[in-house]
N, C-alpha and C. Protein backbone atom coordinates (compact mmCIF):
# COMPACT_ATOMS: atom_id res chain seq x y z
N UNK A 1 -137.20 67.45 83.16
CA UNK A 1 -135.97 67.08 82.99
C UNK A 1 -135.09 68.38 82.75
N UNK A 2 -133.85 68.77 83.56
CA UNK A 2 -133.16 70.25 83.55
C UNK A 2 -132.17 69.97 82.06
N UNK A 3 -132.27 71.05 81.46
CA UNK A 3 -131.29 70.93 80.16
C UNK A 3 -130.14 71.74 81.03
N UNK A 4 -129.01 71.22 81.18
CA UNK A 4 -127.74 72.15 81.38
C UNK A 4 -127.35 72.80 80.24
N UNK A 5 -126.26 73.73 80.29
CA UNK A 5 -125.91 74.31 79.58
C UNK A 5 -124.86 73.63 79.16
N UNK A 6 -124.22 74.16 78.07
CA UNK A 6 -122.97 73.75 77.43
C UNK A 6 -121.64 73.58 78.34
N UNK A 7 -121.63 74.47 78.84
CA UNK A 7 -120.47 74.59 79.78
C UNK A 7 -120.78 75.95 80.74
N UNK A 8 -119.58 76.01 81.91
CA UNK A 8 -120.15 77.11 82.55
C UNK A 8 -118.52 77.08 82.99
N UNK A 9 -118.50 78.50 83.49
CA UNK A 9 -117.09 78.56 84.06
C UNK A 9 -116.72 78.56 85.41
N UNK A 10 -115.79 78.21 86.05
CA UNK A 10 -115.70 78.05 87.43
C UNK A 10 -114.86 78.44 88.13
N UNK A 11 -114.77 78.91 89.31
CA UNK A 11 -114.08 80.16 89.98
C UNK A 11 -112.37 79.70 90.15
N UNK A 12 -112.12 79.86 89.82
CA UNK A 12 -110.27 80.08 89.96
C UNK A 12 -109.76 81.33 90.05
N UNK A 13 -108.54 81.64 90.86
CA UNK A 13 -107.48 82.76 91.32
C UNK A 13 -107.28 83.53 89.99
N UNK A 14 -106.77 82.92 89.20
CA UNK A 14 -105.60 83.52 88.24
C UNK A 14 -105.78 82.52 86.72
N UNK A 15 -106.57 81.85 86.30
CA UNK A 15 -106.78 81.28 85.42
C UNK A 15 -108.11 81.20 84.80
N UNK A 16 -108.62 80.29 83.67
CA UNK A 16 -110.23 80.31 83.29
C UNK A 16 -110.40 78.76 83.41
N UNK A 17 -110.84 78.21 84.17
CA UNK A 17 -111.10 76.99 84.01
C UNK A 17 -113.13 77.00 84.01
N UNK A 18 -113.08 75.74 82.98
CA UNK A 18 -114.14 75.65 82.69
C UNK A 18 -114.83 73.79 82.78
N UNK A 19 -115.94 73.58 83.16
CA UNK A 19 -116.87 72.44 82.93
C UNK A 19 -117.60 72.58 81.35
N UNK A 20 -117.22 71.98 81.23
CA UNK A 20 -118.00 71.56 79.68
C UNK A 20 -119.04 70.33 79.92
N UNK A 21 -120.05 70.30 79.38
CA UNK A 21 -120.98 68.93 79.46
C UNK A 21 -121.17 68.60 77.87
N UNK A 22 -121.98 67.05 78.47
CA UNK A 22 -122.38 66.38 77.21
C UNK A 22 -123.03 65.50 77.45
N UNK A 23 -123.71 64.97 76.49
CA UNK A 23 -124.47 63.59 76.74
C UNK A 23 -123.96 62.37 76.17
N UNK A 24 -122.89 62.88 75.59
CA UNK A 24 -121.76 62.07 75.13
C UNK A 24 -120.49 62.28 75.36
N UNK A 25 -118.76 61.86 75.16
CA UNK A 25 -118.04 62.36 75.43
C UNK A 25 -117.52 63.48 74.09
N UNK A 26 -118.05 62.78 73.13
CA UNK A 26 -118.05 63.81 72.08
C UNK A 26 -118.81 64.84 72.12
N UNK A 27 -119.69 65.03 72.53
CA UNK A 27 -120.04 66.62 72.97
C UNK A 27 -120.03 67.13 74.09
N UNK A 28 -119.26 66.74 74.95
CA UNK A 28 -118.52 67.20 76.13
C UNK A 28 -117.10 68.02 75.59
N UNK A 29 -116.40 67.18 74.81
CA UNK A 29 -115.48 67.51 73.89
C UNK A 29 -115.57 68.72 73.15
N UNK A 30 -116.22 68.53 72.03
CA UNK A 30 -117.15 69.74 71.68
C UNK A 30 -117.25 70.98 72.45
N UNK A 31 -118.29 70.62 73.39
CA UNK A 31 -118.41 72.23 74.12
C UNK A 31 -117.19 72.75 74.99
N UNK A 32 -116.16 71.73 75.04
CA UNK A 32 -114.79 72.14 75.73
C UNK A 32 -114.56 73.37 74.98
N UNK A 33 -114.54 72.90 73.37
CA UNK A 33 -113.94 73.70 72.48
C UNK A 33 -114.45 75.07 72.76
N UNK A 34 -115.75 75.12 72.49
CA UNK A 34 -116.53 76.28 72.68
C UNK A 34 -116.26 77.26 73.72
N UNK A 35 -116.44 76.75 75.16
CA UNK A 35 -115.47 77.09 76.30
C UNK A 35 -114.28 78.09 76.09
N UNK A 36 -113.35 77.46 75.23
CA UNK A 36 -111.64 77.68 75.43
C UNK A 36 -111.87 78.98 74.44
N UNK A 37 -113.35 79.06 73.12
CA UNK A 37 -112.79 80.54 71.94
C UNK A 37 -114.02 81.13 73.28
N UNK A 38 -114.92 80.95 73.87
CA UNK A 38 -115.52 81.99 74.10
C UNK A 38 -114.79 82.44 75.56
N UNK A 39 -113.67 82.05 75.98
CA UNK A 39 -112.75 82.87 76.52
C UNK A 39 -111.96 84.18 76.22
N UNK A 40 -111.74 83.67 74.98
CA UNK A 40 -110.93 84.82 74.24
C UNK A 40 -111.87 85.72 73.34
N UNK A 41 -113.17 85.33 73.09
CA UNK A 41 -114.27 86.19 72.42
C UNK A 41 -115.37 85.93 72.75
N UNK A 42 -116.68 86.68 71.96
CA UNK A 42 -117.81 86.30 71.97
C UNK A 42 -118.37 85.12 71.15
N UNK A 43 -118.73 84.09 71.01
CA UNK A 43 -118.66 83.08 70.11
C UNK A 43 -119.81 83.00 69.33
N UNK A 44 -120.72 83.92 69.62
CA UNK A 44 -122.07 84.27 69.18
C UNK A 44 -121.62 85.46 67.28
N UNK A 45 -120.40 85.86 67.95
CA UNK A 45 -119.99 86.90 66.62
C UNK A 45 -118.96 85.82 65.52
N UNK A 46 -119.15 84.24 65.89
CA UNK A 46 -118.08 84.02 64.78
C UNK A 46 -119.16 83.35 64.02
N UNK A 47 -119.16 83.63 62.52
CA UNK A 47 -119.86 83.05 61.51
C UNK A 47 -119.05 81.47 60.91
N UNK A 48 -120.22 80.82 60.88
CA UNK A 48 -119.25 79.30 60.08
C UNK A 48 -118.98 79.23 58.60
N UNK A 49 -117.69 80.51 58.61
CA UNK A 49 -117.90 80.77 56.91
C UNK A 49 -116.46 79.79 56.20
N UNK A 50 -115.62 79.38 57.60
CA UNK A 50 -114.40 78.68 57.22
C UNK A 50 -114.69 77.02 57.41
N UNK A 51 -114.23 76.41 56.76
CA UNK A 51 -114.46 74.87 57.34
C UNK A 51 -113.45 74.12 57.16
N UNK A 52 -113.36 73.55 58.19
CA UNK A 52 -111.97 72.77 58.05
C UNK A 52 -111.98 70.87 59.48
N UNK A 53 -110.63 70.20 58.52
CA UNK A 53 -111.09 69.39 59.43
C UNK A 53 -109.50 68.92 60.45
N UNK A 54 -110.12 68.42 61.94
CA UNK A 54 -108.96 68.23 62.15
C UNK A 54 -108.90 66.56 63.30
N UNK A 55 -107.87 66.19 63.19
CA UNK A 55 -107.32 64.37 63.38
C UNK A 55 -106.51 64.92 64.75
N UNK A 56 -106.52 64.11 65.97
CA UNK A 56 -105.89 64.14 67.02
C UNK A 56 -105.52 62.47 67.30
N UNK A 57 -104.28 62.43 68.16
CA UNK A 57 -104.64 61.00 68.54
C UNK A 57 -103.69 61.23 70.14
N UNK A 58 -104.68 60.23 70.59
CA UNK A 58 -103.15 60.50 72.43
C UNK A 58 -104.03 59.10 72.81
N UNK A 59 -102.90 59.10 73.59
CA UNK A 59 -102.89 57.67 74.54
C UNK A 59 -103.66 57.23 75.84
N UNK A 60 -104.29 58.47 76.03
CA UNK A 60 -105.56 57.79 76.77
C UNK A 60 -106.74 58.85 76.59
N UNK A 61 -107.97 59.19 77.36
CA UNK A 61 -108.91 60.51 76.99
C UNK A 61 -108.26 61.98 77.29
N UNK A 62 -107.51 62.02 78.75
CA UNK A 62 -107.20 63.06 79.41
C UNK A 62 -105.97 63.60 77.86
N UNK A 63 -105.31 62.65 77.47
CA UNK A 63 -104.05 63.15 76.69
C UNK A 63 -105.21 63.87 75.36
N UNK A 64 -106.23 63.14 74.81
CA UNK A 64 -106.77 63.34 73.85
C UNK A 64 -107.70 64.64 74.38
N UNK A 65 -108.02 64.64 74.69
CA UNK A 65 -108.45 66.60 75.55
C UNK A 65 -107.79 67.39 75.38
N UNK A 66 -106.66 67.23 76.05
CA UNK A 66 -105.47 67.90 75.66
C UNK A 66 -104.92 68.36 74.56
N UNK A 67 -104.91 67.58 73.96
CA UNK A 67 -104.45 67.45 72.43
C UNK A 67 -104.88 68.46 71.53
N UNK A 68 -106.38 67.79 71.81
CA UNK A 68 -107.38 68.19 70.93
C UNK A 68 -107.64 69.68 71.01
N UNK A 69 -108.09 70.29 72.07
CA UNK A 69 -107.68 71.73 72.44
C UNK A 69 -106.76 72.43 72.33
N UNK A 70 -105.47 71.90 72.27
CA UNK A 70 -103.91 72.49 72.30
C UNK A 70 -103.80 72.63 70.34
N UNK A 71 -104.47 71.96 69.80
CA UNK A 71 -104.37 71.92 68.09
C UNK A 71 -105.51 73.22 68.42
N UNK A 72 -106.55 73.05 68.19
CA UNK A 72 -107.65 74.16 68.42
C UNK A 72 -106.50 75.76 68.27
N UNK A 73 -106.27 75.51 70.03
CA UNK A 73 -105.36 76.79 69.79
C UNK A 73 -104.23 77.11 69.19
N UNK A 74 -103.85 76.22 68.64
CA UNK A 74 -102.30 76.78 67.42
C UNK A 74 -103.37 76.57 66.43
N UNK A 75 -104.23 76.13 65.91
CA UNK A 75 -105.16 76.81 64.66
C UNK A 75 -105.04 78.30 64.68
N UNK A 76 -105.77 78.59 66.16
CA UNK A 76 -105.86 80.07 66.04
C UNK A 76 -105.00 81.29 66.01
N UNK A 77 -103.77 80.19 66.75
CA UNK A 77 -102.75 81.28 66.83
C UNK A 77 -101.82 81.08 65.14
N UNK A 78 -101.80 80.57 64.67
CA UNK A 78 -100.90 80.03 63.41
C UNK A 78 -101.95 80.93 62.06
N UNK A 79 -102.82 80.90 62.05
CA UNK A 79 -103.82 80.60 61.05
C UNK A 79 -104.67 82.14 61.27
N UNK A 80 -104.61 82.21 62.38
CA UNK A 80 -105.76 82.91 62.69
C UNK A 80 -107.46 83.28 63.08
N UNK A 81 -107.62 81.96 62.86
CA UNK A 81 -108.89 82.14 62.51
C UNK A 81 -109.96 81.41 64.02
N UNK A 82 -110.52 82.40 64.08
CA UNK A 82 -111.78 81.63 65.38
C UNK A 82 -112.79 80.86 64.85
N UNK A 83 -113.05 79.57 66.17
CA UNK A 83 -114.12 78.40 65.47
C UNK A 83 -115.05 79.01 66.75
N UNK A 84 -116.10 78.15 66.39
CA UNK A 84 -117.47 78.41 66.82
C UNK A 84 -118.24 77.18 66.86
N UNK A 85 -118.53 76.88 66.00
CA UNK A 85 -118.95 75.13 65.39
C UNK A 85 -117.85 73.55 65.64
N UNK A 86 -118.37 72.79 66.33
CA UNK A 86 -117.29 71.66 66.46
C UNK A 86 -118.14 70.47 66.46
N UNK A 87 -118.06 69.87 65.04
CA UNK A 87 -118.53 68.07 65.05
C UNK A 87 -117.64 67.35 65.02
N UNK A 88 -117.43 66.56 66.04
CA UNK A 88 -116.74 65.42 66.65
C UNK A 88 -117.81 64.17 65.88
N UNK A 89 -116.44 63.52 64.73
CA UNK A 89 -117.86 62.49 64.39
C UNK A 89 -117.85 61.03 65.05
N UNK A 90 -116.43 60.78 65.90
CA UNK A 90 -116.44 59.73 67.08
C UNK A 90 -114.85 60.04 67.95
N UNK A 91 -115.23 59.19 68.99
CA UNK A 91 -113.70 59.18 69.49
C UNK A 91 -114.04 57.21 69.35
N UNK A 92 -112.65 57.29 69.09
CA UNK A 92 -112.34 55.89 68.89
C UNK A 92 -111.11 55.20 69.87
N UNK A 93 -111.23 54.28 70.02
CA UNK A 93 -109.90 53.33 70.88
C UNK A 93 -109.44 52.51 69.98
N UNK A 94 -107.88 52.96 69.96
CA UNK A 94 -107.08 52.70 68.94
C UNK A 94 -106.34 51.52 69.52
N UNK A 95 -105.20 50.42 69.04
CA UNK A 95 -104.26 49.84 69.32
C UNK A 95 -103.61 50.14 70.08
N UNK A 96 -103.61 51.69 70.20
CA UNK A 96 -102.33 52.91 70.60
C UNK A 96 -103.13 53.95 71.91
N UNK A 97 -104.05 54.03 71.68
CA UNK A 97 -104.52 54.96 72.65
C UNK A 97 -106.45 54.93 72.28
N UNK A 98 -106.31 56.50 71.99
CA UNK A 98 -107.41 57.01 71.46
C UNK A 98 -107.23 57.73 70.41
N UNK A 99 -108.37 57.94 69.38
CA UNK A 99 -108.46 58.97 68.39
C UNK A 99 -109.86 59.66 67.83
N UNK A 100 -109.38 61.08 67.57
CA UNK A 100 -110.50 61.25 67.13
C UNK A 100 -110.37 62.01 65.60
N UNK A 101 -111.34 62.85 64.83
CA UNK A 101 -111.81 63.31 64.03
C UNK A 101 -113.07 64.39 63.93
N UNK A 102 -112.58 65.52 63.69
CA UNK A 102 -113.54 66.80 63.90
C UNK A 102 -113.75 67.62 62.35
N UNK A 103 -114.78 68.15 62.59
CA UNK A 103 -115.18 68.81 61.28
C UNK A 103 -114.92 70.72 62.30
N UNK A 104 -114.58 71.26 61.96
CA UNK A 104 -114.80 72.38 62.57
C UNK A 104 -115.24 73.94 61.82
N UNK A 105 -115.84 74.78 62.34
CA UNK A 105 -116.13 75.73 61.51
C UNK A 105 -116.04 77.38 61.72
N UNK A 106 -115.56 78.13 61.25
CA UNK A 106 -115.21 79.33 62.14
C UNK A 106 -114.69 80.79 60.87
N UNK A 107 -114.32 81.80 61.22
CA UNK A 107 -113.81 82.34 60.17
C UNK A 107 -112.56 83.31 60.94
N UNK A 108 -112.12 84.09 60.11
CA UNK A 108 -110.70 84.93 60.27
C UNK A 108 -110.71 85.79 61.47
N UNK A 109 -109.96 85.82 62.62
CA UNK A 109 -110.17 86.68 63.25
C UNK A 109 -110.62 88.17 62.92
N UNK A 110 -111.44 88.87 63.36
CA UNK A 110 -111.57 90.66 63.14
C UNK A 110 -111.60 91.32 64.40
N UNK A 111 -110.79 92.23 64.34
CA UNK A 111 -111.12 93.05 65.61
C UNK A 111 -112.39 94.03 66.06
N UNK A 112 -112.38 94.28 64.73
CA UNK A 112 -113.95 94.89 64.95
C UNK A 112 -114.85 94.13 65.18
N UNK A 113 -114.96 93.24 64.36
CA UNK A 113 -116.30 92.12 64.87
C UNK A 113 -116.19 91.77 65.91
N UNK A 114 -115.02 90.86 66.30
CA UNK A 114 -114.77 89.54 67.42
C UNK A 114 -114.14 90.39 68.72
N UNK A 115 -114.72 90.80 69.56
CA UNK A 115 -114.25 91.54 70.89
C UNK A 115 -113.00 90.94 71.36
N UNK A 116 -112.29 90.91 71.50
CA UNK A 116 -111.29 90.67 72.27
C UNK A 116 -111.49 90.19 74.06
N UNK A 117 -111.45 89.59 74.34
CA UNK A 117 -111.56 89.00 75.94
C UNK A 117 -110.35 89.04 76.77
N UNK A 118 -109.90 87.41 76.53
CA UNK A 118 -108.78 86.68 77.20
C UNK A 118 -107.66 85.97 76.46
N UNK A 119 -106.21 86.02 76.55
CA UNK A 119 -105.71 85.55 75.23
C UNK A 119 -105.88 84.35 76.25
N UNK A 120 -105.35 83.02 75.75
CA UNK A 120 -105.06 82.11 76.29
C UNK A 120 -103.50 81.57 76.00
N UNK A 121 -103.17 81.50 76.94
CA UNK A 121 -101.13 81.07 76.88
C UNK A 121 -101.54 79.40 76.36
N UNK A 122 -101.72 78.80 77.29
CA UNK A 122 -102.16 77.31 76.94
C UNK A 122 -103.03 76.67 77.73
N UNK A 123 -103.07 75.05 77.09
CA UNK A 123 -104.03 74.48 77.53
C UNK A 123 -103.31 73.67 79.23
N UNK A 124 -104.08 73.28 79.84
CA UNK A 124 -103.49 72.52 80.81
C UNK A 124 -103.97 71.61 81.39
N UNK A 125 -102.84 70.46 82.14
CA UNK A 125 -103.68 69.12 82.51
C UNK A 125 -103.77 69.91 84.08
N UNK A 126 -103.41 70.58 84.94
CA UNK A 126 -103.83 70.91 86.08
C UNK A 126 -105.51 70.99 86.26
N UNK A 127 -105.79 70.09 87.14
CA UNK A 127 -107.22 69.96 87.25
C UNK A 127 -108.32 69.70 86.53
N UNK A 128 -107.77 68.81 85.43
CA UNK A 128 -108.35 68.64 84.79
C UNK A 128 -109.32 67.20 84.82
N UNK A 129 -110.22 67.00 84.43
CA UNK A 129 -111.30 65.85 85.06
C UNK A 129 -112.41 65.27 83.85
N UNK A 130 -112.23 64.48 83.69
CA UNK A 130 -113.57 63.66 82.87
C UNK A 130 -114.49 62.46 83.67
N UNK A 131 -115.94 62.79 84.30
CA UNK A 131 -116.67 62.34 85.09
C UNK A 131 -117.54 62.08 83.95
N UNK A 132 -118.33 61.07 84.71
CA UNK A 132 -119.80 60.50 83.95
C UNK A 132 -120.89 60.17 85.31
N UNK A 133 -121.69 60.58 84.48
CA UNK A 133 -122.98 60.90 86.02
C UNK A 133 -123.73 60.06 85.31
N UNK A 134 -125.22 60.31 85.66
CA UNK A 134 -126.74 59.94 85.38
C UNK A 134 -127.52 61.27 84.16
N UNK A 135 -126.20 62.25 84.23
CA UNK A 135 -126.74 63.41 83.30
C UNK A 135 -126.11 63.31 82.46
N UNK A 136 -124.86 62.46 82.26
CA UNK A 136 -123.99 62.46 80.89
C UNK A 136 -122.65 62.57 80.80
N UNK A 137 -121.56 63.26 80.60
CA UNK A 137 -120.31 63.53 80.81
C UNK A 137 -119.85 64.98 81.14
N UNK A 138 -119.05 65.23 81.99
CA UNK A 138 -118.59 66.75 82.60
C UNK A 138 -117.08 66.78 82.12
N UNK A 139 -116.22 67.03 81.38
CA UNK A 139 -114.95 67.87 81.51
C UNK A 139 -114.60 68.92 82.37
N UNK A 140 -113.46 69.30 82.87
CA UNK A 140 -113.21 70.13 83.29
C UNK A 140 -111.85 71.16 82.68
N UNK A 141 -111.37 71.76 82.38
CA UNK A 141 -110.06 72.09 81.47
C UNK A 141 -109.66 73.14 82.20
N UNK A 142 -108.38 73.73 82.70
CA UNK A 142 -108.26 74.49 83.25
C UNK A 142 -107.25 75.27 81.98
N UNK A 143 -107.51 76.71 81.57
CA UNK A 143 -106.57 77.13 80.35
C UNK A 143 -105.61 78.14 81.19
N UNK A 144 -104.37 78.51 80.97
CA UNK A 144 -103.34 79.33 81.27
C UNK A 144 -103.50 80.69 80.72
N UNK A 145 -103.83 81.80 81.34
CA UNK A 145 -103.65 82.88 81.06
C UNK A 145 -103.59 84.07 81.09
């Protein structure tokens, strides 16, 4: 059995394009978040010193993926916290769409500890995909840099 890496960077002319994998949709969303922070810094340098909870709702799974990543990016921009551990409890179907609640772990950005790579301006819907095959779920997300 081949073990897939949690995510990989895909070719793109001007932005950061990632494919995140998981055995479940929840795991694929977790790995998409990890990939987003890997675009910004070396996530292996981020310690789980700060714990937070995030809940998001959206009309479909594409909007849920977008909103999940956008909220994480907003948390980074407003609180200055980098995250490296993500645990989605469950993605649930609701009467109005989908929801998720997750525990996220990280620490405040420290330029001496966390090497700056590329700033992400926004999460986009462009080229977004959510696909399932015999190996699990793959989500593709393009980040505007």
